[in-house]
Amino acid sequence: MAFGVKGVYFVETGSQLAQFCDYESGKVTNVGNLPAGTVLPRRTGFSVSPDGKVLVYSKPAQTVSDLYLVEGVR
């Protein structure tokens, strides 16, 4: 959920559809679809630019770890 100047932006759990609820009228409109497979972090959610044209969210980087055994090192 993100609060804008004229209303609140939200994405329902399990949905890829970003929506906007106007403070004055209470009308909900669809504003766009997130890319397939996008999972919004619960704690940070997302933000909206002041003009309402850009929705920004963080995407965790994939973590990869390798473990090597090196023998005979002096």
Protein backbone atom coordinates (compact mmCIF):
# COMPACT_ATOMS: atom_id res chain seq x y z
CA MET A 1 0.00 0.00 0.00
CA ALA A 2 1.25 3.48 -0.84
CA PHE A 3 -0.34 6.81 -0.05
CA GLY A 4 -0.45 9.44 -2.77
CA VAL A 5 -1.61 13.05 -2.85
CA LYS A 6 -5.07 12.18 -4.24
CA GLY A 7 -5.56 8.64 -2.97
CA VAL A 8 -4.13 5.31 -1.94
CA TYR A 9 -2.50 2.74 -4.23
CA PHE A 10 -2.71 -0.95 -3.41
CA VAL A 11 -2.21 -4.49 -4.69
CA GLU A 12 -4.41 -7.20 -3.20
CA THR A 13 -2.68 -10.31 -1.85
CA GLY A 14 -2.11 -12.84 -4.62
CA SER A 15 -2.86 -10.31 -7.36
CA GLN A 16 -0.63 -8.62 -9.94
CA LEU A 17 -3.08 -5.74 -10.44
CA ALA A 18 -2.19 -2.34 -8.98
CA GLN A 19 -5.25 -0.27 -8.09
CA PHE A 20 -5.97 3.28 -6.93
CA CYS A 21 -8.68 4.44 -4.53
CA ASP A 22 -9.51 8.14 -4.80
CA TYR A 23 -9.79 9.89 -1.40
CA GLU A 24 -12.68 12.14 -2.45
CA SER A 25 -14.91 9.81 -4.45
CA GLY A 26 -13.88 6.43 -3.02
CA LYS A 27 -13.79 5.12 -6.59
CA VAL A 28 -11.30 2.29 -7.23
CA THR A 29 -9.58 2.17 -10.62
CA ASN A 30 -7.03 -0.21 -12.11
CA VAL A 31 -3.71 1.49 -12.78
CA GLY A 32 -1.56 -1.34 -14.14
CA ASN A 33 -0.27 -4.87 -13.87
CA LEU A 34 2.93 -5.87 -12.14
CA PRO A 35 5.23 -8.22 -14.07
CA ALA A 36 4.27 -11.90 -13.74
CA GLY A 37 5.73 -13.52 -10.66
CA THR A 38 6.27 -10.25 -8.79
CA VAL A 39 5.98 -10.64 -5.04
CA LEU A 40 5.82 -7.39 -3.09
CA PRO A 41 7.70 -7.48 0.22
CA ARG A 42 5.25 -7.29 3.14
CA ARG A 43 7.30 -4.92 5.26
CA THR A 44 8.41 -2.46 2.61
CA GLY A 45 5.58 -2.78 0.10
CA PHE A 46 5.98 -0.15 -2.61
CA SER A 47 6.03 3.60 -3.20
CA VAL A 48 4.41 5.88 -5.76
CA SER A 49 5.92 9.00 -7.30
CA PRO A 50 4.27 12.33 -6.36
CA ASP A 51 2.63 12.57 -9.80
CA GLY A 52 1.27 9.01 -9.49
CA LYS A 53 2.88 7.85 -12.72
CA VAL A 54 5.60 5.57 -11.31
CA LEU A 55 5.24 2.68 -8.89
CA VAL A 56 8.51 1.58 -7.28
CA TYR A 57 9.19 -1.60 -5.30
CA SER A 58 12.26 -3.50 -4.19
CA LYS A 59 13.12 -6.93 -5.47
CA PRO A 60 15.44 -9.10 -3.40
CA ALA A 61 18.55 -10.20 -5.26
CA GLN A 62 19.04 -13.91 -5.67
CA THR A 63 21.52 -15.20 -3.14
CA VAL A 64 23.91 -17.90 -4.28
CA SER A 65 26.61 -19.44 -2.12
CA ASP A 66 29.37 -21.85 -3.06
CA LEU A 67 31.55 -23.80 -0.67
CA TYR A 68 34.97 -25.01 -1.83
CA LEU A 69 37.33 -27.40 -0.06
CA VAL A 70 40.96 -26.63 -0.81
CA GLU A 71 43.55 -29.08 0.46
CA GLY A 72 47.32 -28.71 0.69
CA VAL A 73 47.38 -24.93 1.03
CA ARG A 74 50.52 -23.57 2.77
